[in-house]
Each structure stands twice: as C-alpha cells, then as structure tokens.
Protein backbone atom coordinates (compact mmCIF):
# COMPACT_ATOMS: atom_id res chain seq x y z
CA UNK A 1 0.05 -0.03 -0.02
CA UNK A 2 1.31 3.57 -1.03
CA UNK A 3 1.92 6.01 1.94
CA UNK A 4 0.97 9.76 1.44
CA UNK A 5 3.92 12.16 1.63
CA UNK A 6 4.20 15.86 1.59
CA UNK A 7 5.54 16.87 -1.81
CA UNK A 8 8.22 19.13 -0.48
CA UNK A 9 9.78 16.52 1.66
CA UNK A 10 10.96 14.66 -1.37
CA UNK A 11 14.64 14.59 -1.77
CA UNK A 12 14.50 17.06 -4.74
CA UNK A 13 12.20 19.38 -2.92
CA UNK A 14 14.34 19.45 0.22
CA UNK A 15 17.48 20.14 -1.80
CA UNK A 16 15.72 23.03 -3.58
CA UNK A 17 14.51 24.55 -0.41
CA UNK A 18 18.06 24.45 1.05
CA UNK A 19 19.57 26.10 -2.03
CA UNK A 20 17.01 28.92 -1.86
CA UNK A 21 17.92 29.66 1.68
CA UNK A 22 21.56 29.61 0.87
CA UNK A 23 21.05 31.84 -2.19
CA UNK A 24 19.14 34.27 -0.11
CA UNK A 25 21.67 34.56 2.69
CA UNK A 26 24.49 34.78 0.01
CA UNK A 27 22.91 37.60 -1.70
CA UNK A 28 22.10 39.40 1.42
CA UNK A 29 25.61 38.89 2.71
CA UNK A 30 27.19 39.90 -0.65
CA UNK A 31 24.82 42.90 -1.40
CA UNK A 32 24.72 44.51 2.04
CA UNK A 33 21.09 43.36 3.06
CA UNK A 34 19.58 44.80 -0.06
CA UNK A 35 16.78 42.30 0.25
CA UNK A 36 15.67 44.12 3.51
CA UNK A 37 16.15 47.67 2.35
CA UNK A 38 12.85 49.55 2.49
CA UNK A 39 14.17 52.45 0.38
CA UNK A 40 17.22 54.51 -0.55
CA UNK A 41 19.19 56.41 2.11
CA UNK A 42 19.54 60.31 2.39
CA UNK A 43 22.04 61.52 -0.08
CA UNK A 44 22.49 64.99 1.51
CA UNK A 45 26.09 65.56 1.98
CA UNK A 46 27.67 67.10 4.99
CA UNK A 47 30.78 67.06 7.16
CA UNK A 48 32.55 63.71 6.59
CA UNK A 49 31.85 61.34 9.66
CA UNK A 50 32.98 57.78 9.90
CA UNK A 51 34.57 57.93 6.52
CA UNK A 52 31.22 58.94 4.68
CA UNK A 53 29.79 62.21 3.75
CA UNK A 54 26.16 61.08 3.61
CA UNK A 55 24.06 58.07 4.65
CA UNK A 56 23.67 57.01 1.06
CA UNK A 57 27.21 55.87 1.07
CA UNK A 58 26.39 53.28 3.68
CA UNK A 59 24.22 51.08 1.28
CA UNK A 60 26.68 48.31 1.26
CA UNK A 61 27.34 48.37 5.05
CA UNK A 62 24.01 47.96 6.68
CA UNK A 63 25.74 46.78 9.80
CA UNK A 64 27.07 50.35 10.16
CA UNK A 65 23.74 51.39 11.57
CA UNK A 66 21.76 48.09 12.02
CA UNK A 67 22.75 45.54 14.77
CA UNK A 68 21.98 41.97 15.18
CA UNK A 69 19.57 40.87 17.93
CA UNK A 70 22.38 39.13 19.79
CA UNK A 71 24.51 42.20 19.68
CA UNK A 72 24.81 44.23 22.92
CA UNK A 73 24.90 47.47 20.93
CA UNK A 74 21.87 49.13 19.63
CA UNK A 75 21.22 51.33 16.62
CA UNK A 76 21.45 54.50 18.84
CA UNK A 77 24.93 53.50 19.88
CA UNK A 78 25.96 53.17 16.22
CA UNK A 79 24.55 56.75 15.59
CA UNK A 80 26.74 58.34 18.25
CA UNK A 81 29.78 56.33 17.20
CA UNK A 82 29.72 58.62 14.10
CA UNK A 83 27.83 61.60 15.30
CA UNK A 84 30.25 62.46 18.14
CA UNK A 85 28.81 66.09 18.27
CA UNK A 86 25.54 64.53 19.26
CA UNK A 87 27.22 62.36 21.90
CA UNK A 88 28.58 65.50 23.45
CA UNK A 89 25.22 67.20 23.44
CA UNK A 90 23.66 64.16 25.18
CA UNK A 91 26.02 65.10 28.15
CA UNK A 92 24.87 68.75 28.09
CA UNK A 93 21.42 69.24 29.68
CA UNK A 94 21.32 72.81 28.07
CA UNK A 95 21.49 71.41 24.47
CA UNK A 96 18.40 70.08 22.42
CA UNK A 97 19.55 66.50 22.50
CA UNK A 98 20.48 66.76 26.22
CA UNK A 99 17.09 67.95 27.06
CA UNK A 100 15.46 64.98 25.30
CA UNK A 101 17.84 62.59 26.96
CA UNK A 102 17.09 64.16 30.42
CA UNK A 103 13.28 64.57 30.19
CA UNK A 104 12.26 61.85 27.72
CA UNK A 105 13.93 58.54 28.81
CA UNK A 106 13.53 55.61 26.46
CA UNK A 107 13.68 57.78 23.34
CA UNK A 108 15.97 56.88 20.65
CA UNK A 109 17.31 58.66 17.48
CA UNK A 110 14.74 57.07 15.17
CA UNK A 111 11.96 58.98 17.22
CA UNK A 112 12.78 62.02 15.23
CA UNK A 113 15.32 60.92 12.69
CA UNK A 114 13.92 58.41 10.07
CA UNK A 115 15.72 56.99 7.08
CA UNK A 116 15.03 55.11 3.85
CA UNK A 117 12.53 57.71 2.80
CA UNK A 118 14.39 58.67 -0.25
CA UNK A 119 17.65 60.49 -1.28
CA UNK A 120 16.18 63.84 -0.70
CA UNK A 121 13.70 63.33 2.05
CA UNK A 122 14.30 65.28 5.37
CA UNK A 123 15.90 63.14 8.04
CA UNK A 124 14.37 65.25 10.86
CA UNK A 125 10.61 65.06 11.69
CA UNK A 126 9.67 66.33 15.14
CA UNK A 127 6.29 67.74 14.29
CA UNK A 128 4.50 65.04 16.31
CA UNK A 129 6.99 65.17 19.01
CA UNK A 130 6.10 67.23 22.17
CA UNK A 131 9.35 68.88 22.70
CA UNK A 132 10.05 69.87 26.39
CA UNK A 133 10.81 73.52 25.58
CA UNK A 134 10.31 74.69 29.21
CA UNK A 135 13.43 72.61 30.08
CA UNK A 136 15.50 75.02 28.14
CA UNK A 137 14.31 77.91 30.27
CA UNK A 138 11.69 79.12 27.86
CA UNK A 139 8.25 77.69 27.53
CA UNK A 140 6.02 78.13 24.44
CA UNK A 141 2.87 78.93 26.56
CA UNK A 142 2.61 82.43 25.06
CA UNK A 143 4.12 81.51 21.66
CA UNK A 144 1.66 78.92 20.30
CA UNK A 145 0.47 81.14 17.55
CA UNK A 146 1.68 84.27 15.74
CA UNK A 147 0.02 87.56 15.82
CA UNK A 148 -1.76 86.61 12.57
CA UNK A 149 -3.20 83.46 14.27
CA UNK A 150 -1.19 80.92 12.54
CA UNK A 151 0.83 78.35 14.51
CA UNK A 152 4.50 78.84 15.31
CA UNK A 153 6.95 76.29 13.80
CA UNK A 154 10.41 75.64 15.11
CA UNK A 155 11.93 77.28 12.07
CA UNK A 156 10.29 80.54 12.94
CA UNK A 157 12.68 81.02 15.82
CA UNK A 158 15.40 78.53 15.22
CA UNK A 159 15.79 78.59 11.48
CA UNK A 160 16.79 75.16 10.08
CA UNK A 161 19.46 74.49 12.50
CA UNK A 162 17.38 73.33 15.41
CA UNK A 163 19.92 74.57 17.96
CA UNK A 164 18.95 75.31 21.64
CA UNK A 165 20.43 78.80 21.33
CA UNK A 166 19.46 81.29 18.82
CA UNK A 167 19.88 84.88 17.93
CA UNK A 168 17.67 87.09 20.09
CA UNK A 169 17.40 89.56 17.20
CA UNK A 170 14.37 87.38 16.09
CA UNK A 171 12.60 88.43 19.18
CA UNK A 172 13.05 92.08 18.45
CA UNK A 173 12.25 91.59 14.82
CA UNK A 174 8.93 90.08 15.49
CA UNK A 175 7.77 92.37 18.41
CA UNK A 176 8.99 95.57 16.75
CA UNK A 177 6.54 94.68 14.03
CA UNK A 178 3.64 94.44 16.49
CA UNK A 179 4.29 97.32 18.89
CA UNK A 180 7.28 99.54 17.47
CA UNK A 181 6.97 102.38 19.98
CA UNK A 182 6.59 100.05 22.97
CA UNK A 183 9.59 97.97 21.83
CA UNK A 184 11.82 100.94 21.42
CA UNK A 185 11.11 102.18 24.86
CA UNK A 186 11.41 98.69 26.29
CA UNK A 187 14.74 98.05 24.69
CA UNK A 188 16.12 101.37 25.98
CA UNK A 189 15.02 100.52 29.45
CA UNK A 190 15.90 96.91 29.77
CA UNK A 191 18.48 96.16 26.98
CA UNK A 192 18.34 93.50 24.28
CA UNK A 193 18.73 90.38 26.47
CA UNK A 194 15.06 89.32 26.11
CA UNK A 195 15.69 85.90 27.66
CA UNK A 196 17.07 87.55 30.81
CA UNK A 197 13.65 88.40 31.96
CA UNK A 198 11.03 86.48 29.67
CA UNK A 199 10.39 82.81 30.16
CA UNK A 200 7.65 82.23 27.70
CA UNK A 201 4.85 82.13 30.30
CA UNK A 202 5.02 85.88 31.15
CA UNK A 203 6.11 85.16 34.75
CA UNK A 204 7.66 88.70 34.70
CA UNK A 205 5.50 90.24 32.01
CA UNK A 206 3.37 93.32 31.95
CA UNK A 207 0.68 91.50 34.11
CA UNK A 208 3.13 90.50 36.85
CA UNK A 209 1.43 90.39 40.28
CA UNK A 210 3.63 92.33 42.62
CA UNK A 211 1.73 90.97 45.50
CA UNK A 212 3.80 87.79 45.14
CA UNK A 213 6.78 89.71 46.67
CA UNK A 214 7.27 91.51 50.07
CA UNK A 215 7.04 94.97 48.30
CA UNK A 216 3.42 95.34 47.37
CA UNK A 217 2.32 98.11 45.16
CA UNK A 218 -0.13 100.33 46.87
CA UNK A 219 -1.07 104.04 46.84
CA UNK A 220 0.94 105.99 44.41
CA UNK A 221 3.26 103.25 43.77
CA UNK A 222 0.48 101.20 41.95
CA UNK A 223 0.56 103.20 38.70
CA UNK A 224 4.30 103.43 38.32
CA UNK A 225 6.15 102.02 35.26
CA UNK A 226 8.49 99.13 36.30
CA UNK A 227 11.45 101.04 34.97
CA UNK A 228 11.01 103.79 37.53
CA UNK A 229 11.95 101.65 40.38
CA UNK A 230 13.85 98.86 38.50
CA UNK A 231 16.17 101.31 36.65
CA UNK A 232 19.10 99.63 35.12
CA UNK A 233 17.67 96.01 35.58
CA UNK A 234 18.82 93.78 32.73
CA UNK A 235 17.70 90.36 33.98
CA UNK A 236 15.60 88.71 36.64
CA UNK A 237 18.63 88.87 39.18
CA UNK A 238 18.72 92.69 38.62
CA UNK A 239 15.03 93.12 39.23
CA UNK A 240 15.32 90.93 42.55
CA UNK A 241 18.38 93.07 43.57
CA UNK A 242 16.44 96.38 43.47
CA UNK A 243 16.55 97.87 46.93
CA UNK A 244 13.10 97.87 48.82
CA UNK A 245 14.01 100.92 50.97
CA UNK A 246 12.12 104.18 50.37
CA UNK A 247 15.27 106.26 50.40
CA UNK A 248 16.92 104.29 47.62
CA UNK A 249 14.34 105.83 45.16
CA UNK A 250 13.19 108.97 47.01
CA UNK A 251 16.59 110.52 48.18
CA UNK A 252 16.12 113.18 45.46
CA UNK A 253 12.74 114.08 47.04
CA UNK A 254 14.06 114.43 50.64
CA UNK A 255 12.91 117.87 51.78
CA UNK A 256 14.77 117.10 55.17
CA UNK A 257 18.10 116.74 53.25
CA UNK A 258 18.87 113.59 55.18
CA UNK A 259 18.59 115.30 58.64
CA UNK A 260 15.92 112.89 59.71
CA UNK A 261 17.74 109.75 58.52
CA UNK A 262 16.52 107.45 55.71
CA UNK A 263 13.55 105.68 57.15
CA UNK A 264 10.77 107.72 55.20
CA UNK A 265 8.13 105.18 56.29
CA UNK A 266 8.39 106.31 59.89
CA UNK A 267 6.49 109.44 58.96
CA UNK A 268 5.17 108.96 55.27
CA UNK A 269 2.99 106.36 53.54
CA UNK A 270 2.69 105.15 49.95
CA UNK A 271 -0.58 107.30 49.63
CA UNK A 272 1.57 110.49 49.53
CA UNK A 273 4.10 112.66 51.31
CA UNK A 274 1.30 114.53 53.12
CA UNK A 275 -0.03 114.15 55.61
CA UNK A 276 3.08 113.16 57.53
CA UNK A 277 2.66 111.30 60.79
CA UNK A 278 6.14 111.92 62.51
CA UNK A 279 5.92 110.60 66.08
CA UNK A 280 7.81 113.45 67.80
CA UNK A 281 7.78 111.45 70.98
CA UNK A 282 10.63 109.33 69.39
CA UNK A 283 12.78 112.25 69.35
CA UNK A 284 14.56 113.96 72.17
CA UNK A 285 11.96 116.72 72.21
CA UNK A 286 8.37 115.52 72.94
CA UNK A 287 5.48 117.83 71.84
CA UNK A 288 3.14 118.66 74.83
CA UNK A 289 0.94 121.60 75.62
CA UNK A 290 0.81 124.46 73.09
CA UNK A 291 3.79 122.79 71.18
CA UNK A 292 1.41 120.13 69.76
CA UNK A 293 -0.38 122.44 67.30
CA UNK A 294 2.67 124.45 66.18
CA UNK A 295 3.44 123.84 62.50
CA UNK A 296 6.75 122.09 61.87
CA UNK A 297 8.26 125.14 60.02
CA UNK A 298 7.88 127.41 63.01
CA UNK A 299 10.63 125.45 64.72
CA UNK A 300 12.37 123.88 61.92
CA UNK A 301 13.11 127.01 59.91
CA UNK A 302 14.37 126.55 56.33
CA UNK A 303 13.57 122.81 56.61
CA UNK A 304 16.34 122.26 59.02
CA UNK A 305 15.50 119.22 61.44
CA UNK A 306 18.62 117.54 62.59
CA UNK A 307 20.37 119.54 65.20
CA UNK A 308 17.50 121.86 65.84
CA UNK A 309 18.05 123.29 69.36
CA UNK A 310 15.76 121.79 72.04
CA UNK A 311 16.04 124.62 74.65
CA UNK A 312 13.24 127.07 75.02
CA UNK A 313 15.33 130.31 74.61
CA UNK A 314 16.43 129.48 71.07
CA UNK A 315 12.75 129.80 69.88
CA UNK A 316 11.41 132.16 72.45
CA UNK A 317 14.05 134.76 72.95
CA UNK A 318 12.02 137.22 71.14
CA UNK A 319 9.09 136.50 73.68
CA UNK A 320 11.28 137.15 76.72
CA UNK A 321 9.75 139.97 78.67
CA UNK A 322 12.41 139.63 81.21
CA UNK A 323 15.04 140.67 78.69
CA UNK A 324 17.33 137.98 79.70
CA UNK A 325 17.58 139.04 83.29
CA UNK A 326 16.39 135.54 84.52
CA UNK A 327 18.85 133.88 82.15
CA UNK A 328 17.61 131.44 79.32
CA UNK A 329 16.04 128.60 81.34
CA UNK A 330 12.47 129.64 80.53
CA UNK A 331 11.35 126.17 81.89
CA UNK A 332 12.41 127.29 85.38
CA UNK A 333 9.07 129.29 85.46
CA UNK A 334 6.95 128.36 82.51
CA UNK A 335 5.55 125.20 80.92
CA UNK A 336 4.44 124.32 77.44
CA UNK A 337 0.90 124.84 78.57
CA UNK A 338 1.47 128.69 78.39
CA UNK A 339 3.41 131.56 79.66
CA UNK A 340 0.88 132.04 82.46
CA UNK A 341 0.67 131.12 85.15
CA UNK A 342 4.38 131.17 85.87
CA UNK A 343 5.73 128.72 88.51
CA UNK A 344 8.82 130.84 89.66
CA UNK A 345 10.15 129.65 92.93
CA UNK A 346 10.01 132.79 95.04
CA UNK A 347 11.34 131.15 98.17
CA UNK A 348 14.10 133.54 98.50
CA UNK A 349 11.39 136.22 99.10
CA UNK A 350 8.34 134.29 100.09
CA UNK A 351 5.05 135.83 98.84
CA UNK A 352 2.76 135.83 101.81
CA UNK A 353 -0.17 137.96 103.03
CA UNK A 354 -0.66 140.96 100.90
CA UNK A 355 2.17 140.08 98.66
CA UNK A 356 0.70 136.82 97.55
CA UNK A 357 -1.56 138.12 94.89
CA UNK A 358 0.35 141.04 93.76
CA UNK A 359 1.15 141.14 89.95
CA UNK A 360 4.79 140.67 89.21
CA UNK A 361 5.13 144.25 87.65
CA UNK A 362 4.11 145.83 91.01
CA UNK A 363 7.51 144.81 92.36
CA UNK A 364 9.42 144.26 89.23
CA UNK A 365 8.78 147.67 87.59
CA UNK A 366 10.22 148.19 84.00
CA UNK A 367 10.77 144.37 83.71
CA UNK A 368 13.67 144.52 86.24
CA UNK A 369 13.85 141.11 87.94
CA UNK A 370 17.33 140.47 89.21
CA UNK A 371 19.29 142.69 91.70
CA UNK A 372 16.20 143.96 93.37
CA UNK A 373 16.46 144.72 97.13
CA UNK A 374 14.24 142.53 99.42
CA UNK A 375 13.97 145.38 102.11
CA UNK A 376 10.42 146.60 102.65
CA UNK A 377 11.46 150.27 102.20
CA UNK A 378 12.68 149.42 98.69
CA UNK A 379 8.94 149.35 97.64
CA UNK A 380 7.23 150.98 100.67
CA UNK A 381 8.68 154.53 101.15
CA UNK A 382 8.61 155.93 104.71
CA UNK A 383 5.23 157.61 105.06
CA UNK A 384 4.83 161.24 106.31
CA UNK A 385 3.27 159.95 109.34
CA UNK A 386 6.49 158.49 110.58
CA UNK A 387 8.00 161.98 110.45
CA UNK A 388 11.31 160.26 109.90
CA UNK A 389 11.44 158.98 113.53
CA UNK A 390 11.82 155.33 112.20
CA UNK A 391 14.46 156.04 109.62
CA UNK A 392 16.67 153.02 109.37
CA UNK A 393 14.25 150.92 111.30
CA UNK A 394 13.06 147.81 109.32
CA UNK A 395 9.35 148.05 108.46
CA UNK A 396 8.74 144.54 109.83
CA UNK A 397 9.65 145.75 113.29
CA UNK A 398 6.14 146.94 113.45
CA UNK A 399 4.25 145.76 110.47
CA UNK A 400 3.85 142.32 108.70
CA UNK A 401 2.77 141.39 105.19
CA UNK A 402 -0.92 140.88 106.11
CA UNK A 403 -1.48 144.67 106.33
CA UNK A 404 -0.18 147.97 107.60
CA UNK A 405 -2.50 148.03 110.57
CA UNK A 406 -2.61 147.10 113.23
CA UNK A 407 1.01 147.78 113.70
CA UNK A 408 2.85 146.15 116.61
CA UNK A 409 5.66 148.31 117.83
CA UNK A 410 7.93 146.24 120.05
CA UNK A 411 10.70 148.65 120.72
CA UNK A 412 11.42 151.14 123.53
CA UNK A 413 9.24 154.31 123.22
CA UNK A 414 11.47 156.91 121.62
CA UNK A 415 10.40 159.73 123.97
CA UNK A 416 9.12 160.05 127.54
CA UNK A 417 5.51 161.24 128.40
CA UNK A 418 6.48 164.03 130.72
CA UNK A 419 6.31 162.90 134.31
CA UNK A 420 4.90 159.55 133.15
CA UNK A 421 6.78 156.64 131.63
CA UNK A 422 5.05 154.52 128.92
CA UNK A 423 4.48 151.38 131.07
CA UNK A 424 0.76 152.10 131.26
CA UNK A 425 0.32 152.28 127.46
CA UNK A 426 0.97 148.60 126.92
CA UNK A 427 -1.27 147.35 124.01
CA UNK A 428 -1.90 150.91 122.70
CA UNK A 429 -1.48 151.59 119.13
CA UNK A 430 0.74 154.46 118.08
CA UNK A 431 -2.17 156.19 116.44
CA UNK A 432 -4.05 156.12 119.80
CA UNK A 433 -1.85 158.93 121.01
CA UNK A 434 -0.24 160.20 117.83
CA UNK A 435 -3.36 161.21 115.97
CA UNK A 436 -1.61 163.54 113.50
CA UNK A 437 1.95 162.39 113.30
CA UNK A 438 4.55 160.89 115.52
CA UNK A 439 5.89 164.36 116.40
CA UNK A 440 2.85 165.16 118.38
CA UNK A 441 0.73 163.23 120.91
CA UNK A 442 -2.80 163.91 122.14
CA UNK A 443 -2.89 162.77 125.82
CA UNK A 444 -6.31 164.51 126.40
CA UNK A 445 -7.81 161.92 123.98
CA UNK A 446 -7.58 159.62 126.88
CA UNK A 447 -6.86 161.78 129.92
CA UNK A 448 -8.64 165.02 131.15
CA UNK A 449 -6.57 167.78 132.66
CA UNK A 450 -7.94 167.24 136.23
CA UNK A 451 -7.22 163.64 136.33
CA UNK A 452 -4.24 162.60 134.12
CA UNK A 453 -4.41 159.03 135.31
CA UNK A 454 -8.09 158.52 135.28
CA UNK A 455 -7.94 156.21 132.33
CA UNK A 456 -9.74 158.50 130.01
CA UNK A 457 -12.71 159.50 131.99
CA UNK A 458 -14.03 163.09 131.53
C-alpha cells in the first residue's frame, strides 16, 4: 500500500529549499542586506563622519547602523559612534539632545530621525514630538500662535538648525513689527537680552502680580512703570536686587536733606508725602501743651531738622519779657501749657499775706527782675506819718505782710511822756496817741486835765 507524503519533503524538494535559503543568505551577505532595504538612504552631504559624507554611502554596509539581535549594541549606539557632536550634546542638559535625553527617557534617535525615505527626504521630523521647551528655560505657552493666528513652527525662531540657542534679534524683529513704539522704549529701559527676563509664560510680564513679593504696590506706587523703580535692571537677578527701601528711590525728594535719616516710612506712607505722621515722642523733644499744634516750619526754619536746638530760649528769646535778666532757662518758671501762670520759685522772698496776689510788675517795675532789694523800704517809702522817727528801722519791726494795721511796735518808746513813763500804755497803738503824726501826741484823747491818770474818763 502506498503512503501519502508531503511533496516538499521529497529529496528534490528538500534540496531546492536548502539551495534557496543559501542563495538568499549569500545575496544578503554579498549585497549588504539589499533584500531588507525599504528604500534609498538620504544622499544629502555634510561634514565627513566615519569615512562617509552622507548616509547614502552606507548602502553596502547595513551593519554600520543596524545591529543583530544578539549584539549588545543598539542602533542609537551606532549613531553616536559617528555623530560624536551629538554624543557631546547628550551630556549637556542645556542642549536640544541633552534635554530630550534628560526629560524623555527611552527615546532613541529614530523617534525624530527616520531613514530610507528617499535620497532627498528630510531626516528630521519632530512635528509630532512634544518637545520639552520649558526645560531650556523658555516655555512656548505664550508662543503657540503668531500675531496673525497661524501656529508657530520651530523654524520661525530657530531657522533650520534646530539649535537650543538662537539669535535674540529674532525676538526684537517680531515684536517691533507688532508694537514698534513700545519695543523702542522697552529696549532702551531693559536692553536687548530678552531671555534675561522672559520665560515664555510671562512670569515677569506686564501683568506681573507684585503682591507675590514682599514689596506690594499700593497708593501712588500702583501706577508706576516698572523702570521707575527697577532702573538699570537687565535680568531677573537685577530686578530682584532692586532695593526695597524708600530712600533708595526717594533720596532726591528728601525735603529734610537727610537730617531725619533714611527711614521715610516712619512718617510717610505710599498714599503720599502728606499728611506726614512723624512721632515726635521718638525724638529727644516731645510735643506737649501748646507745642502740639505748632506747625513744623515754626521750629524747623528753612527745613532744618537735625540739630534743631531743644532749649526754650532758642525759639522764645523774642518773647522774653524779662530781657534775659532771668537767664535762658524759661522752663524754670514756665511750661508748654502757656506763659501764665508762671511757676517761679519765690522762696528767697516768700510771697505771703498781701504780697501773695500781687502782679509781678508791682514789684518788678520796668521788667527788672534781678538785683532787686528785698527790704520793705525798697517798695514801701517811709510815710509822712512817721516823720522820719523810724528812719533806718526795718518796717517789719512793727508791720507784717498781712496789712499795715494794726502795727505792733515792740521797741522802746522813743520819748518820755512828761512825768509818766509808757508802762501804762502797753497794748496801745501809736495812732491812739499820735493822731496827727509821731511828732505830736494827744494825751487828752484819753486823759482830762484834772485827772491825768483816770484812764480817759472826763
């Protein structure tokens, strides 16, 4: 009985199959893998690398790029063996290829660079690749579309070189076409290093929120142009280095000429220079009494603040009614509440009795205060009634400050009373006998002629 067999397992079939495999392998070996070539390589010439000037020259050496599955190398390794400049970029995180390598792990050269598309086909195609532009310090958030609404392409800024760095003149060229006047002023204020401040998301753009920093824009600061405070800044570091002290900007406006120091905020606010709120209690001269309402310029003449004298006489010499006779220490008698009532210590000549309520000028005539005699007779002249009998005798021998009468003469009677002495006149007032003056006495007021000792009886 005949057995069925597969036709290709006949001796002739097996030999034909083996020869076919050998022919294919031989041709592939001899013709550089032409059987697996999907198309011609790029023929664009450039700087010779690895002995060739274009990929098209590698058609007979597929193994220059392609590796066997058992080979530890990969195609990307073969790429950088020739493209040593790319190998260097992969180690530089600021380069295009370095950014990809650092932010897109697992990518290989073929992601963007394809081959076998034809002798003149482009070898770079990154249209569908989401390039991490922000990793280079400049995001594309505000550069997705041009001013005419069309999308940006890489070539618009980088040309055909696709390098990470490019000529910033491109920034100026585009923006001057949009806002020429603004750009002219902007370039004059901040220079031509656009990337020194701009990051593509307008972090420090015209809509920057100043509330994010310690120095908030309030009051009259709110409407200022950035350059008025950040003068000379050419990059973010320069903006951040701007002094936040008032005086750094307002020294030229200092009406005090530095005499009150540099802490403007101790008196003024961002709302304006006036009204000022200087706390005079922080100085060595506190404002009390009538000084509180005195305008600054009355004491600080010609805007002189630092070193202004704090003694009374420096301001009030013109008001001195004593004409300097009491010296210059006004505060010895007066207070900031007013010139009157004075509080002079009159202890050297106590003011008692009738002296207590006298006006100063009753004793200090013609505004003479110093050198006055404290003797009673200096003010109180010897009255005619005394007839000169008490010349040289102090007034207070008989009188006191309460009043002239009653007087209390305590001395020996200056004259006898005829055949009588004065022992019986104890307690009598001088005027009881001396009704006219001290030179005459009227005994008969008390005694009649018949009985001189009758005690005044008729």
